[in-house]
């Protein structure tokens, strides 16, 4: 898979190194000469150019990329890169970094963003996830399709403890994608029984989150 990353700072280089380790082809683009540190990620391609300019993106052959990641420290730049990648080059998957949570509402499909990653929001969500049991925590927002990745740790007193996944009437527009049980990551099947302490990850429509939380937090013997 070919991935172009706009922004060769610490964040961009870190993403590039991870992707290269997983066998992907990576191009780092930055207009700041001091950010072009080929020796730090020597396996990557490097391009000194302004990712907000069509001529630069032509040079980067963005039309050959499967994914574009807008990872600069400037939200305006990330939005422009995302829009150009999607509308001018038809890149299938565009991921954008949100630096200021106040700008998060802009990072949607109208700006070409498929997945918006807000570092402050993600950090606060991970803190909540670490200390919350029975509360739904939003980890990630998928702009295209209007869905979120959410997590809930199943309380000991939850009515669903011991229930088979296939027997649960999940809300519409929600999908259980992973069960984290101790140090194991499980792909849920209909025969798997839910256990207290399971970390359940769902992709869910925002308007279904409250309904999902109510279902998972319902206490045994409290009725429906």
C-alpha atoms as a PDB file:
ATOM      1  CA  UNK A   1       0.000   0.000   0.000  1.00  0.00           C
ATOM      2  CA  UNK A   2       1.303   3.440  -0.909  1.00  0.00           C
ATOM      3  CA  UNK A   3       0.814   6.148   1.722  1.00  0.00           C
ATOM      4  CA  UNK A   4       1.620   9.856   1.468  1.00  0.00           C
ATOM      5  CA  UNK A   5       2.087  11.804   4.682  1.00  0.00           C
ATOM      6  CA  UNK A   6       1.876  15.599   4.663  1.00  0.00           C
ATOM      7  CA  UNK A   7       3.992  16.857   7.531  1.00  0.00           C
ATOM      8  CA  UNK A   8       7.393  15.385   8.350  1.00  0.00           C
ATOM      9  CA  UNK A   9       7.543  16.488  11.965  1.00  0.00           C
ATOM     10  CA  UNK A  10       7.707  14.118  14.907  1.00  0.00           C
ATOM     11  CA  UNK A  11       4.153  12.897  14.317  1.00  0.00           C
ATOM     12  CA  UNK A  12       4.583  12.324  10.590  1.00  0.00           C
ATOM     13  CA  UNK A  13       7.914  10.549  11.008  1.00  0.00           C
ATOM     14  CA  UNK A  14       6.536   8.323  13.739  1.00  0.00           C
ATOM     15  CA  UNK A  15       3.592   7.281  11.545  1.00  0.00           C
ATOM     16  CA  UNK A  16       5.942   6.705   8.614  1.00  0.00           C
ATOM     17  CA  UNK A  17       8.260   4.467  10.635  1.00  0.00           C
ATOM     18  CA  UNK A  18       5.322   2.360  11.842  1.00  0.00           C
ATOM     19  CA  UNK A  19       3.903   1.974   8.334  1.00  0.00           C
ATOM     20  CA  UNK A  20       7.271   1.070   6.859  1.00  0.00           C
ATOM     21  CA  UNK A  21       7.755  -1.558   9.537  1.00  0.00           C
ATOM     22  CA  UNK A  22       4.445  -3.063   8.434  1.00  0.00           C
ATOM     23  CA  UNK A  23       5.642  -3.295   4.842  1.00  0.00           C
ATOM     24  CA  UNK A  24       3.992  -0.243   3.283  1.00  0.00           C
ATOM     25  CA  UNK A  25       5.464   2.268   0.840  1.00  0.00           C
ATOM     26  CA  UNK A  26       5.646   5.746   2.394  1.00  0.00           C
ATOM     27  CA  UNK A  27       6.225   9.251   1.026  1.00  0.00           C
ATOM     28  CA  UNK A  28       6.849  12.141   3.447  1.00  0.00           C
ATOM     29  CA  UNK A  29       6.089  15.655   2.183  1.00  0.00           C
ATOM     30  CA  UNK A  30       7.083  18.877   3.953  1.00  0.00           C
ATOM     31  CA  UNK A  31       7.813  22.413   2.804  1.00  0.00           C
ATOM     32  CA  UNK A  32      10.210  23.138   5.672  1.00  0.00           C
ATOM     33  CA  UNK A  33      13.804  22.184   4.753  1.00  0.00           C
ATOM     34  CA  UNK A  34      14.672  21.606   8.416  1.00  0.00           C
ATOM     35  CA  UNK A  35      11.979  18.898   8.570  1.00  0.00           C
ATOM     36  CA  UNK A  36      13.553  16.913   5.748  1.00  0.00           C
ATOM     37  CA  UNK A  37      15.546  14.468   7.880  1.00  0.00           C
ATOM     38  CA  UNK A  38      16.122  11.554   5.543  1.00  0.00           C
ATOM     39  CA  UNK A  39      18.492   9.897   7.989  1.00  0.00           C
ATOM     40  CA  UNK A  40      15.685   9.564  10.575  1.00  0.00           C
ATOM     41  CA  UNK A  41      13.436   7.532   8.260  1.00  0.00           C
ATOM     42  CA  UNK A  42      15.790   6.416   5.480  1.00  0.00           C
ATOM     43  CA  UNK A  43      13.414   3.813   4.034  1.00  0.00           C
ATOM     44  CA  UNK A  44      10.812   6.476   3.177  1.00  0.00           C
ATOM     45  CA  UNK A  45      10.631   8.649   0.077  1.00  0.00           C
ATOM     46  CA  UNK A  46      11.042  12.350   0.843  1.00  0.00           C
ATOM     47  CA  UNK A  47       9.736  15.395  -0.984  1.00  0.00           C
ATOM     48  CA  UNK A  48      10.516  19.025  -0.137  1.00  0.00           C
ATOM     49  CA  UNK A  49       7.319  20.723  -1.286  1.00  0.00           C
ATOM     50  CA  UNK A  50       4.182  22.541  -0.191  1.00  0.00           C
ATOM     51  CA  UNK A  51       1.446  19.904   0.140  1.00  0.00           C
ATOM     52  CA  UNK A  52      -1.201  22.593  -0.372  1.00  0.00           C
ATOM     53  CA  UNK A  53      -0.103  23.188  -3.963  1.00  0.00           C
ATOM     54  CA  UNK A  54      -1.374  21.108  -6.876  1.00  0.00           C
ATOM     55  CA  UNK A  55       2.040  21.091  -8.572  1.00  0.00           C
ATOM     56  CA  UNK A  56       3.559  19.549  -5.442  1.00  0.00           C
ATOM     57  CA  UNK A  57       0.883  16.886  -5.227  1.00  0.00           C
ATOM     58  CA  UNK A  58       1.339  16.122  -8.908  1.00  0.00           C
ATOM     59  CA  UNK A  59       5.033  15.589  -8.209  1.00  0.00           C
ATOM     60  CA  UNK A  60       4.082  13.328  -5.304  1.00  0.00           C
ATOM     61  CA  UNK A  61       1.893  11.271  -7.688  1.00  0.00           C
ATOM     62  CA  UNK A  62      -0.957  11.409  -5.202  1.00  0.00           C
ATOM     63  CA  UNK A  63      -3.239   9.597  -7.636  1.00  0.00           C
ATOM     64  CA  UNK A  64      -1.174   6.445  -6.982  1.00  0.00           C
ATOM     65  CA  UNK A  65      -1.700   6.611  -3.212  1.00  0.00           C
ATOM     66  CA  UNK A  66      -4.112   4.354  -1.363  1.00  0.00           C
ATOM     67  CA  UNK A  67      -4.043   6.581   1.704  1.00  0.00           C
ATOM     68  CA  UNK A  68      -3.136  10.194   2.418  1.00  0.00           C
ATOM     69  CA  UNK A  69      -2.435  11.323   5.974  1.00  0.00           C
ATOM     70  CA  UNK A  70      -2.573  15.050   6.717  1.00  0.00           C
ATOM     71  CA  UNK A  71      -0.378  15.176   9.809  1.00  0.00           C
ATOM     72  CA  UNK A  72       0.903  18.746  10.027  1.00  0.00           C
ATOM     73  CA  UNK A  73       0.550  20.919  13.099  1.00  0.00           C
ATOM     74  CA  UNK A  74      -1.712  23.347  11.218  1.00  0.00           C
ATOM     75  CA  UNK A  75      -5.411  22.466  10.925  1.00  0.00           C
ATOM     76  CA  UNK A  76      -5.883  24.737   7.902  1.00  0.00           C
ATOM     77  CA  UNK A  77      -3.148  22.915   6.027  1.00  0.00           C
ATOM     78  CA  UNK A  78      -4.559  19.517   6.982  1.00  0.00           C
ATOM     79  CA  UNK A  79      -7.999  20.485   5.698  1.00  0.00           C
ATOM     80  CA  UNK A  80      -6.659  21.769   2.379  1.00  0.00           C
ATOM     81  CA  UNK A  81      -4.506  18.658   1.877  1.00  0.00           C
ATOM     82  CA  UNK A  82      -7.482  16.419   2.670  1.00  0.00           C
ATOM     83  CA  UNK A  83      -9.780  18.234   0.261  1.00  0.00           C
ATOM     84  CA  UNK A  84      -7.263  18.170  -2.582  1.00  0.00           C
ATOM     85  CA  UNK A  85      -6.416  14.505  -2.005  1.00  0.00           C
ATOM     86  CA  UNK A  86     -10.042  13.477  -2.172  1.00  0.00           C
ATOM     87  CA  UNK A  87     -11.443  15.784  -4.854  1.00  0.00           C
ATOM     88  CA  UNK A  88      -8.485  16.245  -7.206  1.00  0.00           C
ATOM     89  CA  UNK A  89      -6.796  12.858  -6.912  1.00  0.00           C
ATOM     90  CA  UNK A  90      -9.560  10.507  -5.768  1.00  0.00           C
ATOM     91  CA  UNK A  91      -7.521   9.055  -2.894  1.00  0.00           C
ATOM     92  CA  UNK A  92      -9.650   6.253  -1.366  1.00  0.00           C
ATOM     93  CA  UNK A  93      -8.756   6.934   2.276  1.00  0.00           C
ATOM     94  CA  UNK A  94      -7.888  10.306   3.824  1.00  0.00           C
ATOM     95  CA  UNK A  95      -6.885  10.572   7.471  1.00  0.00           C
ATOM     96  CA  UNK A  96      -6.436  13.994   9.053  1.00  0.00           C
ATOM     97  CA  UNK A  97      -4.894  15.163  12.308  1.00  0.00           C
ATOM     98  CA  UNK A  98      -6.948  17.647  14.338  1.00  0.00           C
ATOM     99  CA  UNK A  99      -4.720  19.886  16.442  1.00  0.00           C
ATOM    100  CA  UNK A 100      -7.344  22.157  17.953  1.00  0.00           C
ATOM    101  CA  UNK A 101     -10.472  20.370  19.234  1.00  0.00           C
ATOM    102  CA  UNK A 102     -12.505  23.497  18.414  1.00  0.00           C
ATOM    103  CA  UNK A 103     -11.899  22.759  14.725  1.00  0.00           C
ATOM    104  CA  UNK A 104     -13.010  19.136  14.912  1.00  0.00           C
ATOM    105  CA  UNK A 105     -16.444  19.889  13.423  1.00  0.00           C
ATOM    106  CA  UNK A 106     -14.761  20.912  10.151  1.00  0.00           C
ATOM    107  CA  UNK A 107     -13.030  17.573   9.624  1.00  0.00           C
ATOM    108  CA  UNK A 108     -15.778  15.729   7.777  1.00  0.00           C
ATOM    109  CA  UNK A 109     -16.514  14.360   4.323  1.00  0.00           C
ATOM    110  CA  UNK A 110     -17.244  17.819   2.928  1.00  0.00           C
ATOM    111  CA  UNK A 111     -13.520  18.515   3.399  1.00  0.00           C
ATOM    112  CA  UNK A 112     -12.540  15.081   2.083  1.00  0.00           C
ATOM    113  CA  UNK A 113     -11.761  13.613   5.511  1.00  0.00           C
ATOM    114  CA  UNK A 114     -12.612   9.952   6.069  1.00  0.00           C
ATOM    115  CA  UNK A 115     -11.103   9.674   9.554  1.00  0.00           C
ATOM    116  CA  UNK A 116     -10.344  12.593  11.865  1.00  0.00           C
ATOM    117  CA  UNK A 117      -7.885  11.964  14.683  1.00  0.00           C
ATOM    118  CA  UNK A 118      -7.961  14.546  17.457  1.00  0.00           C
ATOM    119  CA  UNK A 119      -4.939  13.982  19.686  1.00  0.00           C
ATOM    120  CA  UNK A 120      -6.339  15.915  22.693  1.00  0.00           C
ATOM    121  CA  UNK A 121      -9.679  14.104  22.412  1.00  0.00           C
ATOM    122  CA  UNK A 122      -8.000  10.731  21.980  1.00  0.00           C
ATOM    123  CA  UNK A 123      -5.789  11.293  25.017  1.00  0.00           C
ATOM    124  CA  UNK A 124      -8.725  12.289  27.174  1.00  0.00           C
ATOM    125  CA  UNK A 125     -10.718   9.329  25.856  1.00  0.00           C
ATOM    126  CA  UNK A 126      -7.919   6.936  26.736  1.00  0.00           C
ATOM    127  CA  UNK A 127      -7.811   8.371  30.252  1.00  0.00           C
ATOM    128  CA  UNK A 128     -11.571   7.864  30.537  1.00  0.00           C
ATOM    129  CA  UNK A 129     -11.281   4.363  29.098  1.00  0.00           C
ATOM    130  CA  UNK A 130      -8.646   3.470  31.689  1.00  0.00           C
ATOM    131  CA  UNK A 131     -10.773   4.493  34.660  1.00  0.00           C
ATOM    132  CA  UNK A 132     -14.352   4.015  33.448  1.00  0.00           C
ATOM    133  CA  UNK A 133     -16.416   0.856  33.830  1.00  0.00           C
ATOM    134  CA  UNK A 134     -19.949   0.895  32.473  1.00  0.00           C
ATOM    135  CA  UNK A 135     -19.555   4.236  30.680  1.00  0.00           C
ATOM    136  CA  UNK A 136     -19.352   4.520  26.910  1.00  0.00           C
ATOM    137  CA  UNK A 137     -16.131   6.193  25.763  1.00  0.00           C
ATOM    138  CA  UNK A 138     -15.779   7.622  22.262  1.00  0.00           C
ATOM    139  CA  UNK A 139     -12.321   6.783  20.923  1.00  0.00           C
ATOM    140  CA  UNK A 140     -12.458   7.818  17.274  1.00  0.00           C
ATOM    141  CA  UNK A 141     -14.791   9.509  14.829  1.00  0.00           C
ATOM    142  CA  UNK A 142     -15.176   8.257  11.258  1.00  0.00           C
ATOM    143  CA  UNK A 143     -16.338  11.227   9.212  1.00  0.00           C
ATOM    144  CA  UNK A 144     -17.466   9.224   6.217  1.00  0.00           C
ATOM    145  CA  UNK A 145     -20.513   7.196   7.141  1.00  0.00           C
ATOM    146  CA  UNK A 146     -21.194   9.205  10.305  1.00  0.00           C
ATOM    147  CA  UNK A 147     -19.936   6.594  12.775  1.00  0.00           C
ATOM    148  CA  UNK A 148     -17.730   6.425  15.859  1.00  0.00           C
ATOM    149  CA  UNK A 149     -15.441   3.846  17.406  1.00  0.00           C
ATOM    150  CA  UNK A 150     -16.643   3.520  20.997  1.00  0.00           C
ATOM    151  CA  UNK A 151     -15.607   1.379  23.964  1.00  0.00           C
ATOM    152  CA  UNK A 152     -17.317   0.143  27.094  1.00  0.00           C
ATOM    153  CA  UNK A 153     -15.980  -2.105  29.829  1.00  0.00           C
ATOM    154  CA  UNK A 154     -18.735  -4.482  30.897  1.00  0.00           C
ATOM    155  CA  UNK A 155     -19.484  -4.133  34.643  1.00  0.00           C
ATOM    156  CA  UNK A 156     -19.707  -7.201  36.879  1.00  0.00           C
ATOM    157  CA  UNK A 157     -23.389  -6.536  37.590  1.00  0.00           C
ATOM    158  CA  UNK A 158     -24.342  -6.062  33.922  1.00  0.00           C
ATOM    159  CA  UNK A 159     -27.357  -8.081  32.797  1.00  0.00           C
ATOM    160  CA  UNK A 160     -25.503  -9.193  29.647  1.00  0.00           C
ATOM    161  CA  UNK A 161     -22.754 -11.010  31.565  1.00  0.00           C
ATOM    162  CA  UNK A 162     -22.912 -14.652  30.472  1.00  0.00           C
ATOM    163  CA  UNK A 163     -25.054 -13.880  27.415  1.00  0.00           C
ATOM    164  CA  UNK A 164     -24.000 -15.172  24.005  1.00  0.00           C
ATOM    165  CA  UNK A 165     -23.150 -12.430  21.518  1.00  0.00           C
ATOM    166  CA  UNK A 166     -25.615 -13.908  19.032  1.00  0.00           C
ATOM    167  CA  UNK A 167     -28.457 -13.713  21.564  1.00  0.00           C
ATOM    168  CA  UNK A 168     -28.100  -9.987  22.202  1.00  0.00           C
ATOM    169  CA  UNK A 169     -30.491  -7.656  20.381  1.00  0.00           C
ATOM    170  CA  UNK A 170     -27.974  -4.961  19.561  1.00  0.00           C
ATOM    171  CA  UNK A 171     -29.306  -1.535  18.531  1.00  0.00           C
ATOM    172  CA  UNK A 172     -29.514  -0.830  14.824  1.00  0.00           C
ATOM    173  CA  UNK A 173     -26.505   0.885  13.261  1.00  0.00           C
ATOM    174  CA  UNK A 174     -24.094  -0.669  15.774  1.00  0.00           C
ATOM    175  CA  UNK A 175     -21.550  -3.440  15.287  1.00  0.00           C
ATOM    176  CA  UNK A 176     -19.457  -5.239  17.890  1.00  0.00           C
ATOM    177  CA  UNK A 177     -16.020  -5.485  16.283  1.00  0.00           C
ATOM    178  CA  UNK A 178     -13.669  -6.613  19.061  1.00  0.00           C
ATOM    179  CA  UNK A 179     -13.676  -8.029  22.577  1.00  0.00           C
ATOM    180  CA  UNK A 180     -10.548  -7.374  24.634  1.00  0.00           C
ATOM    181  CA  UNK A 181     -10.403  -9.918  27.441  1.00  0.00           C
ATOM    182  CA  UNK A 182      -7.310  -9.662  29.612  1.00  0.00           C
ATOM    183  CA  UNK A 183      -4.374  -9.827  27.216  1.00  0.00           C
ATOM    184  CA  UNK A 184      -6.420 -11.442  24.445  1.00  0.00           C
ATOM    185  CA  UNK A 185      -8.041  -9.737  21.477  1.00  0.00           C
ATOM    186  CA  UNK A 186     -11.082 -11.683  20.303  1.00  0.00           C
ATOM    187  CA  UNK A 187     -13.006 -11.425  17.054  1.00  0.00           C
ATOM    188  CA  UNK A 188     -16.531 -11.938  18.390  1.00  0.00           C
ATOM    189  CA  UNK A 189     -18.614 -14.842  17.140  1.00  0.00           C
ATOM    190  CA  UNK A 190     -22.264 -15.452  17.907  1.00  0.00           C
ATOM    191  CA  UNK A 191     -21.308 -18.236  20.339  1.00  0.00           C
ATOM    192  CA  UNK A 192     -18.948 -16.159  22.470  1.00  0.00           C
ATOM    193  CA  UNK A 193     -20.356 -15.414  25.928  1.00  0.00           C
ATOM    194  CA  UNK A 194     -19.766 -11.952  27.346  1.00  0.00           C
ATOM    195  CA  UNK A 195     -17.782 -11.779  30.584  1.00  0.00           C
ATOM    196  CA  UNK A 196     -17.517  -9.131  33.297  1.00  0.00           C
ATOM    197  CA  UNK A 197     -14.540  -6.888  32.607  1.00  0.00           C
ATOM    198  CA  UNK A 198     -14.664  -7.416  28.835  1.00  0.00           C
ATOM    199  CA  UNK A 199     -13.660  -4.303  26.907  1.00  0.00           C
ATOM    200  CA  UNK A 200     -16.153  -4.131  24.046  1.00  0.00           C
ATOM    201  CA  UNK A 201     -15.324  -2.064  20.965  1.00  0.00           C
ATOM    202  CA  UNK A 202     -18.151  -1.023  18.665  1.00  0.00           C
ATOM    203  CA  UNK A 203     -18.561   0.964  15.497  1.00  0.00           C
ATOM    204  CA  UNK A 204     -21.791   2.837  16.118  1.00  0.00           C
ATOM    205  CA  UNK A 205     -23.857   5.667  14.709  1.00  0.00           C
ATOM    206  CA  UNK A 206     -23.745   8.639  17.096  1.00  0.00           C
ATOM    207  CA  UNK A 207     -27.516   8.631  17.614  1.00  0.00           C
ATOM    208  CA  UNK A 208     -27.325   5.007  18.810  1.00  0.00           C
ATOM    209  CA  UNK A 209     -24.638   5.516  21.434  1.00  0.00           C
ATOM    210  CA  UNK A 210     -26.983   6.294  24.316  1.00  0.00           C
ATOM    211  CA  UNK A 211     -29.142   3.271  23.491  1.00  0.00           C
ATOM    212  CA  UNK A 212     -26.038   1.065  23.341  1.00  0.00           C
ATOM    213  CA  UNK A 213     -24.756   2.366  26.666  1.00  0.00           C
ATOM    214  CA  UNK A 214     -28.139   1.752  28.306  1.00  0.00           C
ATOM    215  CA  UNK A 215     -28.178  -1.832  27.031  1.00  0.00           C
ATOM    216  CA  UNK A 216     -24.654  -2.626  28.219  1.00  0.00           C
ATOM    217  CA  UNK A 217     -25.057  -0.916  31.585  1.00  0.00           C
ATOM    218  CA  UNK A 218     -28.417  -2.507  32.413  1.00  0.00           C
ATOM    219  CA  UNK A 219     -27.972  -4.269  35.747  1.00  0.00           C
ATOM    220  CA  UNK A 220     -28.918  -7.859  36.337  1.00  0.00           C
ATOM    221  CA  UNK A 221     -32.373  -8.071  37.886  1.00  0.00           C
ATOM    222  CA  UNK A 222     -33.216  -4.429  37.169  1.00  0.00           C
ATOM    223  CA  UNK A 223     -35.636  -5.317  34.377  1.00  0.00           C
ATOM    224  CA  UNK A 224     -35.786  -3.847  30.903  1.00  0.00           C
END
